[in-house]
Amino acid sequence: MNGPAAEAIRLTDVRFRYRGVQLRALNGVSLTVGQGEFLGIVGPSGAGKSTLALVMSGQIPAFVEGPFDGEALLFGRTTRGMRSADLAETAGMVYQDPEAQLYGLTVEEELVLGLENRCLPPDEIRRRVEWVLAVTGLHEVLEKSPYALSGGQKQRVVIAGVLALRPRILVLDEPTSALDPRGKTALYELLGNLSAEGVTVVIVEHDIERLVRHADRVCWLEAGRIAALGTPEEVFGRPAESGTGLLRMPQVAQLTHRLGLPAPWPITVDQAEAVLRPMLEATPR
């Protein structure tokens, strides 16, 4: 993200507890995300990552029941009482399992369904479908059943269907969990392009090595609270202060730490090469 940007998301002391559960899933979360920013959400299982994604997409409190306190604003508008149509145009949500969001018999039907439900003119529907096909590269599977596609293609179909509604925020909950390396690379390339075009991208992710190469900032959750928030280098390149330990850090950071190098540690292979190559070249043979 380059330069100043409009404020896309603002959370202020957000607290949420699922109905029938005693412990809060989120317990006092406050942060802001700029328009066009690429934010990664990481943390251990049960930390509240998916719940935070639901709040940042407006699904909480609109569709998920439970006590909700604090304030969640999307481009300055509270999500409390926001109409479904307005919410769909503001923030789109992509879940971990793409099949849970597939409804059409063909990819084309999948892309058109939401637009027809909005009663958009046929010319506008065609323009939007052509745009998302160009963005996601799905032309070749337009007439196929989405259920017959690969995991990566299914995920792109779901994203295309969400993007067709032109949301300004795209929130994804572990979208790479079932993808092979090629599918992950293609997805991150797509998300990077969307961020560069001004779409705010928020992704819950376990693949830290891949995330740190793309995210502008990382939010590290623990027990429903923010344990660390900053650039990937700020979050992962220094000793953890919250008991998170090294096991969830990028492997190159773990390596350079164990070699006894001082922080800040490199977090990508390219950064590690820049640090280690001069040392190796200076070592007598």
C-alpha atoms as a PDB file:
ATOM      1  CA  MET A   1       0.000   0.000   0.000  1.00  0.00           C
ATOM      2  CA  ASN A   2       1.522   3.282  -1.078  1.00  0.00           C
ATOM      3  CA  GLY A   3       0.809   6.683   0.429  1.00  0.00           C
ATOM      4  CA  PRO A   4      -2.163   7.839   2.534  1.00  0.00           C
ATOM      5  CA  ALA A   5      -5.436   6.013   2.030  1.00  0.00           C
ATOM      6  CA  ALA A   6      -9.035   6.356   3.094  1.00  0.00           C
ATOM      7  CA  GLU A   7     -10.018   4.431   6.188  1.00  0.00           C
ATOM      8  CA  ALA A   8     -11.790   1.249   5.079  1.00  0.00           C
ATOM      9  CA  ILE A   9     -12.284  -0.522   8.418  1.00  0.00           C
ATOM     10  CA  ARG A  10     -12.253   0.813  11.955  1.00  0.00           C
ATOM     11  CA  LEU A  11     -12.852  -1.448  14.934  1.00  0.00           C
ATOM     12  CA  THR A  12     -13.099   0.091  18.387  1.00  0.00           C
ATOM     13  CA  ASP A  13     -13.043  -2.131  21.487  1.00  0.00           C
ATOM     14  CA  VAL A  14     -14.929  -4.905  19.712  1.00  0.00           C
ATOM     15  CA  ARG A  15     -16.126  -7.730  21.934  1.00  0.00           C
ATOM     16  CA  PHE A  16     -18.174 -10.705  20.787  1.00  0.00           C
ATOM     17  CA  ARG A  17     -19.424 -13.921  22.337  1.00  0.00           C
ATOM     18  CA  TYR A  18     -21.222 -16.636  20.423  1.00  0.00           C
ATOM     19  CA  ARG A  19     -24.647 -17.456  21.790  1.00  0.00           C
ATOM     20  CA  GLY A  20     -24.466 -20.320  24.271  1.00  0.00           C
ATOM     21  CA  VAL A  21     -20.694 -19.918  24.813  1.00  0.00           C
ATOM     22  CA  GLN A  22     -19.329 -18.399  28.023  1.00  0.00           C
ATOM     23  CA  LEU A  23     -15.959 -17.138  26.798  1.00  0.00           C
ATOM     24  CA  ARG A  24     -15.700 -14.229  24.392  1.00  0.00           C
ATOM     25  CA  ALA A  25     -14.263 -14.989  20.961  1.00  0.00           C
ATOM     26  CA  LEU A  26     -13.087 -11.368  20.719  1.00  0.00           C
ATOM     27  CA  ASN A  27     -12.218  -9.372  23.785  1.00  0.00           C
ATOM     28  CA  GLY A  28     -11.422  -5.712  23.120  1.00  0.00           C
ATOM     29  CA  VAL A  29     -10.081  -5.563  19.552  1.00  0.00           C
ATOM     30  CA  SER A  30      -9.282  -2.129  18.113  1.00  0.00           C
ATOM     31  CA  LEU A  31      -7.582  -1.474  14.763  1.00  0.00           C
ATOM     32  CA  THR A  32      -7.932   0.412  11.497  1.00  0.00           C
ATOM     33  CA  VAL A  33      -7.333  -0.803   7.948  1.00  0.00           C
ATOM     34  CA  GLY A  34      -6.800   1.536   5.013  1.00  0.00           C
ATOM     35  CA  GLN A  35      -8.356   1.366   1.562  1.00  0.00           C
ATOM     36  CA  GLY A  36      -6.246  -0.895  -0.646  1.00  0.00           C
ATOM     37  CA  GLU A  37      -4.326  -2.322   2.305  1.00  0.00           C
ATOM     38  CA  PHE A  38      -3.436  -6.029   2.370  1.00  0.00           C
ATOM     39  CA  LEU A  39      -3.824  -7.229   5.966  1.00  0.00           C
ATOM     40  CA  GLY A  40      -2.999 -10.729   7.176  1.00  0.00           C
ATOM     41  CA  ILE A  41      -4.580 -12.208  10.306  1.00  0.00           C
ATOM     42  CA  VAL A  42      -2.601 -14.961  12.030  1.00  0.00           C
ATOM     43  CA  GLY A  43      -2.542 -16.773  15.351  1.00  0.00           C
ATOM     44  CA  PRO A  44      -3.115 -20.156  16.979  1.00  0.00           C
ATOM     45  CA  SER A  45      -6.324 -22.153  16.630  1.00  0.00           C
ATOM     46  CA  GLY A  46      -9.098 -20.688  18.743  1.00  0.00           C
ATOM     47  CA  ALA A  47      -7.532 -17.227  18.818  1.00  0.00           C
ATOM     48  CA  GLY A  48     -10.602 -15.582  17.244  1.00  0.00           C
ATOM     49  CA  LYS A  49      -9.274 -15.167  13.691  1.00  0.00           C
ATOM     50  CA  SER A  50     -12.437 -16.323  11.900  1.00  0.00           C
ATOM     51  CA  THR A  51     -14.598 -14.286  14.257  1.00  0.00           C
ATOM     52  CA  LEU A  52     -12.538 -11.194  13.517  1.00  0.00           C
ATOM     53  CA  ALA A  53     -12.976 -11.858   9.786  1.00  0.00           C
ATOM     54  CA  LEU A  54     -16.755 -12.052  10.279  1.00  0.00           C
ATOM     55  CA  VAL A  55     -16.726  -8.717  12.104  1.00  0.00           C
ATOM     56  CA  MET A  56     -14.559  -7.038   9.460  1.00  0.00           C
ATOM     57  CA  SER A  57     -16.907  -8.228   6.708  1.00  0.00           C
ATOM     58  CA  GLY A  58     -20.024  -7.149   8.616  1.00  0.00           C
ATOM     59  CA  GLN A  59     -21.343 -10.725   8.959  1.00  0.00           C
ATOM     60  CA  ILE A  60     -21.195 -10.038  12.687  1.00  0.00           C
ATOM     61  CA  PRO A  61     -23.526  -8.597  13.909  1.00  0.00           C
ATOM     62  CA  ALA A  62     -25.717  -8.796  10.768  1.00  0.00           C
ATOM     63  CA  PHE A  63     -26.080 -12.575  10.470  1.00  0.00           C
ATOM     64  CA  VAL A  64     -24.304 -14.240  13.417  1.00  0.00           C
ATOM     65  CA  GLU A  65     -26.091 -14.109  16.755  1.00  0.00           C
ATOM     66  CA  GLY A  66     -24.408 -13.284  20.022  1.00  0.00           C
ATOM     67  CA  PRO A  67     -23.633 -10.330  22.326  1.00  0.00           C
ATOM     68  CA  PHE A  68     -21.700  -7.732  20.315  1.00  0.00           C
ATOM     69  CA  ASP A  69     -20.120  -4.689  21.937  1.00  0.00           C
ATOM     70  CA  GLY A  70     -17.911  -1.926  20.609  1.00  0.00           C
ATOM     71  CA  GLU A  71     -18.048  -0.351  17.176  1.00  0.00           C
ATOM     72  CA  ALA A  72     -17.291  -1.661  13.681  1.00  0.00           C
ATOM     73  CA  LEU A  73     -17.225   0.887  10.870  1.00  0.00           C
ATOM     74  CA  LEU A  74     -16.816   0.136   7.151  1.00  0.00           C
ATOM     75  CA  PHE A  75     -15.873   3.306   5.275  1.00  0.00           C
ATOM     76  CA  GLY A  76     -17.315   5.321   8.154  1.00  0.00           C
ATOM     77  CA  ARG A  77     -20.646   3.460   8.346  1.00  0.00           C
ATOM     78  CA  THR A  78     -21.592   1.314  11.304  1.00  0.00           C
ATOM     79  CA  THR A  79     -22.328  -2.305  10.504  1.00  0.00           C
ATOM     80  CA  ARG A  80     -25.165  -2.307  13.024  1.00  0.00           C
ATOM     81  CA  GLY A  81     -28.398  -2.380  11.050  1.00  0.00           C
ATOM     82  CA  MET A  82     -26.678  -2.084   7.658  1.00  0.00           C
ATOM     83  CA  ARG A  83     -28.922  -3.361   4.865  1.00  0.00           C
ATOM     84  CA  SER A  84     -27.832  -6.617   3.208  1.00  0.00           C
ATOM     85  CA  ALA A  85     -27.554  -4.937  -0.202  1.00  0.00           C
ATOM     86  CA  ASP A  86     -25.347  -2.166   1.164  1.00  0.00           C
ATOM     87  CA  LEU A  87     -23.225  -4.675   3.043  1.00  0.00           C
ATOM     88  CA  ALA A  88     -22.689  -6.819  -0.087  1.00  0.00           C
ATOM     89  CA  GLU A  89     -21.440  -3.766  -1.996  1.00  0.00           C
ATOM     90  CA  THR A  90     -19.152  -2.758   0.868  1.00  0.00           C
ATOM     91  CA  ALA A  91     -17.585  -6.027   2.056  1.00  0.00           C
ATOM     92  CA  GLY A  92     -17.467  -9.506   0.536  1.00  0.00           C
ATOM     93  CA  MET A  93     -16.679 -12.658   2.506  1.00  0.00           C
ATOM     94  CA  VAL A  94     -14.942 -15.777   1.156  1.00  0.00           C
ATOM     95  CA  TYR A  95     -14.948 -18.820   3.424  1.00  0.00           C
ATOM     96  CA  GLN A  96     -12.431 -21.652   3.762  1.00  0.00           C
ATOM     97  CA  ASP A  97     -14.616 -24.215   1.954  1.00  0.00           C
ATOM     98  CA  PRO A  98     -15.503 -22.862  -1.510  1.00  0.00           C
ATOM     99  CA  GLU A  99     -18.252 -25.436  -2.066  1.00  0.00           C
ATOM    100  CA  ALA A 100     -20.193 -23.889   0.822  1.00  0.00           C
ATOM    101  CA  GLN A 101     -20.620 -20.775  -1.365  1.00  0.00           C
ATOM    102  CA  LEU A 102     -21.400 -22.441  -4.700  1.00  0.00           C
ATOM    103  CA  TYR A 103     -25.015 -22.531  -5.893  1.00  0.00           C
ATOM    104  CA  GLY A 104     -25.061 -22.364  -9.703  1.00  0.00           C
ATOM    105  CA  LEU A 105     -25.114 -25.259 -12.168  1.00  0.00           C
ATOM    106  CA  THR A 106     -22.438 -23.561 -14.293  1.00  0.00           C
ATOM    107  CA  VAL A 107     -19.728 -21.016 -13.572  1.00  0.00           C
ATOM    108  CA  GLU A 108     -21.618 -18.445 -15.628  1.00  0.00           C
ATOM    109  CA  GLU A 109     -24.768 -19.031 -13.605  1.00  0.00           C
ATOM    110  CA  GLU A 110     -22.725 -18.693 -10.427  1.00  0.00           C
ATOM    111  CA  LEU A 111     -21.448 -15.278 -11.505  1.00  0.00           C
ATOM    112  CA  VAL A 112     -24.814 -14.013 -12.722  1.00  0.00           C
ATOM    113  CA  LEU A 113     -26.954 -15.209  -9.816  1.00  0.00           C
ATOM    114  CA  GLY A 114     -26.063 -12.507  -7.324  1.00  0.00           C
ATOM    115  CA  LEU A 115     -26.300  -9.776  -9.948  1.00  0.00           C
ATOM    116  CA  GLU A 116     -29.753 -10.879 -11.051  1.00  0.00           C
ATOM    117  CA  ASN A 117     -30.870 -10.943  -7.437  1.00  0.00           C
ATOM    118  CA  ARG A 118     -29.843  -7.283  -7.309  1.00  0.00           C
ATOM    119  CA  CYS A 119     -32.091  -6.636 -10.345  1.00  0.00           C
ATOM    120  CA  LEU A 120     -29.248  -5.068 -12.313  1.00  0.00           C
ATOM    121  CA  PRO A 121     -29.807  -4.295 -16.031  1.00  0.00           C
ATOM    122  CA  PRO A 122     -28.608  -7.018 -18.447  1.00  0.00           C
ATOM    123  CA  ASP A 123     -25.945  -4.742 -19.947  1.00  0.00           C
ATOM    124  CA  GLU A 124     -24.496  -4.043 -16.493  1.00  0.00           C
ATOM    125  CA  ILE A 125     -24.538  -7.759 -15.660  1.00  0.00           C
ATOM    126  CA  ARG A 126     -22.604  -8.533 -18.850  1.00  0.00           C
ATOM    127  CA  ARG A 127     -20.041  -5.823 -18.097  1.00  0.00           C
ATOM    128  CA  ARG A 128     -19.464  -7.111 -14.586  1.00  0.00           C
ATOM    129  CA  VAL A 129     -19.197 -10.742 -15.678  1.00  0.00           C
ATOM    130  CA  GLU A 130     -16.640  -9.821 -18.345  1.00  0.00           C
ATOM    131  CA  TRP A 131     -14.671  -7.852 -15.779  1.00  0.00           C
ATOM    132  CA  VAL A 132     -14.501 -10.647 -13.189  1.00  0.00           C
ATOM    133  CA  LEU A 133     -13.626 -13.183 -15.901  1.00  0.00           C
ATOM    134  CA  ALA A 134     -10.725 -10.990 -16.951  1.00  0.00           C
ATOM    135  CA  VAL A 135      -9.616 -10.495 -13.352  1.00  0.00           C
ATOM    136  CA  THR A 136      -9.841 -14.158 -12.329  1.00  0.00           C
ATOM    137  CA  GLY A 137      -8.958 -15.860 -15.630  1.00  0.00           C
ATOM    138  CA  LEU A 138     -12.032 -18.097 -15.665  1.00  0.00           C
ATOM    139  CA  HIS A 139     -13.033 -17.716 -19.331  1.00  0.00           C
ATOM    140  CA  GLU A 140     -12.132 -21.293 -20.186  1.00  0.00           C
ATOM    141  CA  VAL A 141     -14.454 -22.810 -17.555  1.00  0.00           C
ATOM    142  CA  LEU A 142     -17.444 -20.512 -18.003  1.00  0.00           C
ATOM    143  CA  GLU A 143     -19.790 -23.280 -19.190  1.00  0.00           C
ATOM    144  CA  LYS A 144     -18.510 -25.949 -16.785  1.00  0.00           C
ATOM    145  CA  SER A 145     -20.086 -27.044 -13.516  1.00  0.00           C
ATOM    146  CA  PRO A 146     -18.256 -25.348 -10.637  1.00  0.00           C
ATOM    147  CA  TYR A 147     -18.349 -28.650  -8.748  1.00  0.00           C
ATOM    148  CA  ALA A 148     -16.217 -30.299 -11.464  1.00  0.00           C
ATOM    149  CA  LEU A 149     -13.361 -27.801 -11.086  1.00  0.00           C
ATOM    150  CA  SER A 150     -10.148 -28.043  -9.078  1.00  0.00           C
ATOM    151  CA  GLY A 151      -9.964 -26.592  -5.581  1.00  0.00           C
ATOM    152  CA  GLY A 152      -8.119 -23.518  -6.826  1.00  0.00           C
ATOM    153  CA  GLN A 153     -10.635 -22.939  -9.616  1.00  0.00           C
ATOM    154  CA  LYS A 154     -13.555 -23.304  -7.209  1.00  0.00           C
ATOM    155  CA  GLN A 155     -11.977 -20.714  -4.951  1.00  0.00           C
ATOM    156  CA  ARG A 156     -11.566 -18.330  -7.892  1.00  0.00           C
ATOM    157  CA  VAL A 157     -15.209 -18.866  -8.882  1.00  0.00           C
ATOM    158  CA  VAL A 158     -16.338 -17.949  -5.370  1.00  0.00           C
ATOM    159  CA  ILE A 159     -14.092 -14.883  -5.365  1.00  0.00           C
ATOM    160  CA  ALA A 160     -15.378 -13.906  -8.815  1.00  0.00           C
ATOM    161  CA  GLY A 161     -18.969 -14.172  -7.617  1.00  0.00           C
ATOM    162  CA  VAL A 162     -18.197 -11.948  -4.638  1.00  0.00           C
ATOM    163  CA  LEU A 163     -16.225  -9.469  -6.754  1.00  0.00           C
ATOM    164  CA  ALA A 164     -19.069  -9.160  -9.260  1.00  0.00           C
ATOM    165  CA  LEU A 165     -20.986  -7.265  -6.578  1.00  0.00           C
ATOM    166  CA  ARG A 166     -18.075  -4.762  -6.542  1.00  0.00           C
ATOM    167  CA  PRO A 167     -17.317  -4.793  -2.802  1.00  0.00           C
ATOM    168  CA  ARG A 168     -14.676  -2.351  -1.619  1.00  0.00           C
ATOM    169  CA  ILE A 169     -13.446  -4.821   1.007  1.00  0.00           C
ATOM    170  CA  LEU A 170     -12.640  -8.504   0.428  1.00  0.00           C
ATOM    171  CA  VAL A 171     -12.270 -10.736   3.505  1.00  0.00           C
ATOM    172  CA  LEU A 172     -11.023 -14.320   3.116  1.00  0.00           C
ATOM    173  CA  ASP A 173     -10.949 -16.982   5.833  1.00  0.00           C
ATOM    174  CA  GLU A 174      -8.091 -19.446   5.184  1.00  0.00           C
ATOM    175  CA  PRO A 175      -8.733 -19.629   1.417  1.00  0.00           C
ATOM    176  CA  THR A 176      -5.462 -21.478   0.677  1.00  0.00           C
ATOM    177  CA  SER A 177      -5.929 -24.368   3.117  1.00  0.00           C
ATOM    178  CA  ALA A 178      -6.974 -26.852   0.386  1.00  0.00           C
ATOM    179  CA  LEU A 179      -4.854 -25.445  -2.461  1.00  0.00           C
ATOM    180  CA  ASP A 180      -1.638 -26.804  -3.948  1.00  0.00           C
ATOM    181  CA  PRO A 181       1.394 -24.483  -4.261  1.00  0.00           C
ATOM    182  CA  ARG A 182       0.425 -23.400  -7.780  1.00  0.00           C
ATOM    183  CA  GLY A 183      -3.106 -22.583  -6.664  1.00  0.00           C
ATOM    184  CA  LYS A 184      -1.799 -20.605  -3.706  1.00  0.00           C
ATOM    185  CA  THR A 185       0.531 -18.601  -5.941  1.00  0.00           C
ATOM    186  CA  ALA A 186      -2.292 -17.804  -8.369  1.00  0.00           C
ATOM    187  CA  LEU A 187      -4.612 -16.749  -5.548  1.00  0.00           C
ATOM    188  CA  TYR A 188      -2.054 -14.438  -3.956  1.00  0.00           C
ATOM    189  CA  GLU A 189      -1.281 -12.897  -7.333  1.00  0.00           C
ATOM    190  CA  LEU A 190      -4.996 -12.171  -7.775  1.00  0.00           C
ATOM    191  CA  LEU A 191      -5.304 -10.690  -4.282  1.00  0.00           C
ATOM    192  CA  GLY A 192      -2.213  -8.543  -4.815  1.00  0.00           C
ATOM    193  CA  ASN A 193      -3.675  -7.156  -8.036  1.00  0.00           C
ATOM    194  CA  LEU A 194      -6.967  -6.371  -6.309  1.00  0.00           C
ATOM    195  CA  SER A 195      -5.151  -4.580  -3.490  1.00  0.00           C
ATOM    196  CA  ALA A 196      -3.175  -2.547  -6.038  1.00  0.00           C
ATOM    197  CA  GLU A 197      -6.491  -1.505  -7.623  1.00  0.00           C
ATOM    198  CA  GLY A 198      -7.774  -0.177  -4.290  1.00  0.00           C
ATOM    199  CA  VAL A 199      -9.682  -3.162  -2.905  1.00  0.00           C
ATOM    200  CA  THR A 200      -8.974  -3.683   0.788  1.00  0.00           C
ATOM    201  CA  VAL A 201      -7.896  -7.309   1.280  1.00  0.00           C
ATOM    202  CA  VAL A 202      -8.058  -9.064   4.661  1.00  0.00           C
ATOM    203  CA  ILE A 203      -6.949 -12.704   4.797  1.00  0.00           C
ATOM    204  CA  VAL A 204      -6.875 -15.203   7.648  1.00  0.00           C
ATOM    205  CA  GLU A 205      -3.866 -17.381   6.902  1.00  0.00           C
ATOM    206  CA  HIS A 206      -1.720 -20.184   8.335  1.00  0.00           C
ATOM    207  CA  ASP A 207       0.842 -20.153   5.500  1.00  0.00           C
ATOM    208  CA  ILE A 208       3.036 -17.486   7.069  1.00  0.00           C
ATOM    209  CA  GLU A 209       5.908 -17.920   4.591  1.00  0.00           C
ATOM    210  CA  ARG A 210       3.631 -16.952   1.724  1.00  0.00           C
ATOM    211  CA  LEU A 211       1.713 -14.291   3.629  1.00  0.00           C
ATOM    212  CA  VAL A 212       4.758 -12.235   4.606  1.00  0.00           C
ATOM    213  CA  ARG A 213       5.708 -11.807   0.945  1.00  0.00           C
ATOM    214  CA  HIS A 214       2.438 -10.030   0.182  1.00  0.00           C
ATOM    215  CA  ALA A 215       0.895  -8.445   3.269  1.00  0.00           C
ATOM    216  CA  ASP A 216       1.324  -4.761   4.103  1.00  0.00           C
ATOM    217  CA  ARG A 217       0.635  -5.514   7.767  1.00  0.00           C
ATOM    218  CA  VAL A 218      -0.027  -8.530   9.960  1.00  0.00           C
ATOM    219  CA  CYS A 219      -2.407  -8.774  12.916  1.00  0.00           C
ATOM    220  CA  TRP A 220      -1.422 -11.515  15.374  1.00  0.00           C
ATOM    221  CA  LEU A 221      -4.329 -12.653  17.550  1.00  0.00           C
ATOM    222  CA  GLU A 222      -4.201 -14.600  20.793  1.00  0.00           C
ATOM    223  CA  ALA A 223      -7.198 -15.424  23.003  1.00  0.00           C
ATOM    224  CA  GLY A 224      -9.386 -12.855  21.279  1.00  0.00           C
ATOM    225  CA  ARG A 225      -6.909 -10.010  21.651  1.00  0.00           C
ATOM    226  CA  ILE A 226      -4.306  -8.428  19.388  1.00  0.00           C
ATOM    227  CA  ALA A 227      -0.886  -9.680  20.476  1.00  0.00           C
ATOM    228  CA  ALA A 228       1.043  -7.873  17.720  1.00  0.00           C
ATOM    229  CA  LEU A 229       0.187  -5.559  14.850  1.00  0.00           C
ATOM    230  CA  GLY A 230       2.601  -4.140  12.300  1.00  0.00           C
ATOM    231  CA  THR A 231       4.523  -4.843   9.128  1.00  0.00           C
ATOM    232  CA  PRO A 232       5.620  -8.459   8.597  1.00  0.00           C
ATOM    233  CA  GLU A 233       9.151  -7.419   9.559  1.00  0.00           C
ATOM    234  CA  GLU A 234       7.924  -5.802  12.789  1.00  0.00           C
ATOM    235  CA  VAL A 235       5.781  -8.793  13.785  1.00  0.00           C
ATOM    236  CA  PHE A 236       8.023 -11.692  12.757  1.00  0.00           C
ATOM    237  CA  GLY A 237      11.536 -10.253  12.594  1.00  0.00           C
ATOM    238  CA  ARG A 238      11.984  -9.724  16.327  1.00  0.00           C
ATOM    239  CA  PRO A 239      11.632 -11.836  19.495  1.00  0.00           C
ATOM    240  CA  ALA A 240       7.997 -12.485  20.361  1.00  0.00           C
ATOM    241  CA  GLU A 241       6.745 -10.510  23.347  1.00  0.00           C
ATOM    242  CA  SER A 242       3.517 -12.416  23.962  1.00  0.00           C
ATOM    243  CA  GLY A 243       4.606 -15.998  24.462  1.00  0.00           C
ATOM    244  CA  THR A 244       3.944 -16.881  20.838  1.00  0.00           C
ATOM    245  CA  GLY A 245       7.418 -18.377  20.425  1.00  0.00           C
ATOM    246  CA  LEU A 246       9.347 -19.169  17.281  1.00  0.00           C
ATOM    247  CA  LEU A 247       7.371 -22.144  16.015  1.00  0.00           C
ATOM    248  CA  ARG A 248       4.871 -19.948  14.173  1.00  0.00           C
ATOM    249  CA  MET A 249       7.489 -17.626  12.718  1.00  0.00           C
ATOM    250  CA  PRO A 250       8.759 -17.875   9.118  1.00  0.00           C
ATOM    251  CA  GLN A 251      11.340 -20.622   8.764  1.00  0.00           C
ATOM    252  CA  VAL A 252      14.075 -18.261   7.625  1.00  0.00           C
ATOM    253  CA  ALA A 253      13.568 -16.169  10.773  1.00  0.00           C
ATOM    254  CA  GLN A 254      13.858 -19.324  12.873  1.00  0.00           C
ATOM    255  CA  LEU A 255      17.034 -20.320  11.001  1.00  0.00           C
ATOM    256  CA  THR A 256      18.828 -16.994  11.417  1.00  0.00           C
ATOM    257  CA  HIS A 257      17.777 -16.816  15.060  1.00  0.00           C
ATOM    258  CA  ARG A 258      19.240 -20.271  15.699  1.00  0.00           C
ATOM    259  CA  LEU A 259      22.422 -19.244  13.923  1.00  0.00           C
ATOM    260  CA  GLY A 260      22.803 -16.620  16.604  1.00  0.00           C
ATOM    261  CA  LEU A 261      22.228 -13.581  14.382  1.00  0.00           C
ATOM    262  CA  PRO A 262      20.771 -10.516  16.098  1.00  0.00           C
ATOM    263  CA  ALA A 263      17.281  -9.224  15.376  1.00  0.00           C
ATOM    264  CA  PRO A 264      15.746  -7.991  13.194  1.00  0.00           C
ATOM    265  CA  TRP A 265      15.796 -11.355  11.438  1.00  0.00           C
ATOM    266  CA  PRO A 266      15.027 -11.804   7.739  1.00  0.00           C
ATOM    267  CA  ILE A 267      11.540 -13.178   7.100  1.00  0.00           C
ATOM    268  CA  THR A 268      11.792 -14.119   3.402  1.00  0.00           C
ATOM    269  CA  VAL A 269      14.277 -16.194   1.433  1.00  0.00           C
ATOM    270  CA  ASP A 270      15.469 -13.126  -0.491  1.00  0.00           C
ATOM    271  CA  GLN A 271      16.097 -11.236   2.742  1.00  0.00           C
ATOM    272  CA  ALA A 272      17.920 -14.234   4.212  1.00  0.00           C
ATOM    273  CA  GLU A 273      20.124 -14.520   1.132  1.00  0.00           C
ATOM    274  CA  ALA A 274      21.081 -10.852   1.406  1.00  0.00           C
ATOM    275  CA  VAL A 275      22.131 -11.424   5.039  1.00  0.00           C
ATOM    276  CA  LEU A 276      23.788 -14.837   4.753  1.00  0.00           C
ATOM    277  CA  ARG A 277      25.582 -14.643   1.402  1.00  0.00           C
ATOM    278  CA  PRO A 278      28.201 -12.071   2.531  1.00  0.00           C
ATOM    279  CA  MET A 279      28.840 -14.179   5.653  1.00  0.00           C
ATOM    280  CA  LEU A 280      29.307 -17.352   3.603  1.00  0.00           C
ATOM    281  CA  GLU A 281      31.543 -15.628   1.081  1.00  0.00           C
ATOM    282  CA  ALA A 282      33.709 -14.295   3.895  1.00  0.00           C
ATOM    283  CA  THR A 283      34.095 -17.733   5.488  1.00  0.00           C
ATOM    284  CA  PRO A 284      37.559 -19.278   4.790  1.00  0.00           C
ATOM    285  CA  ARG A 285      37.406 -22.466   2.731  1.00  0.00           C
END
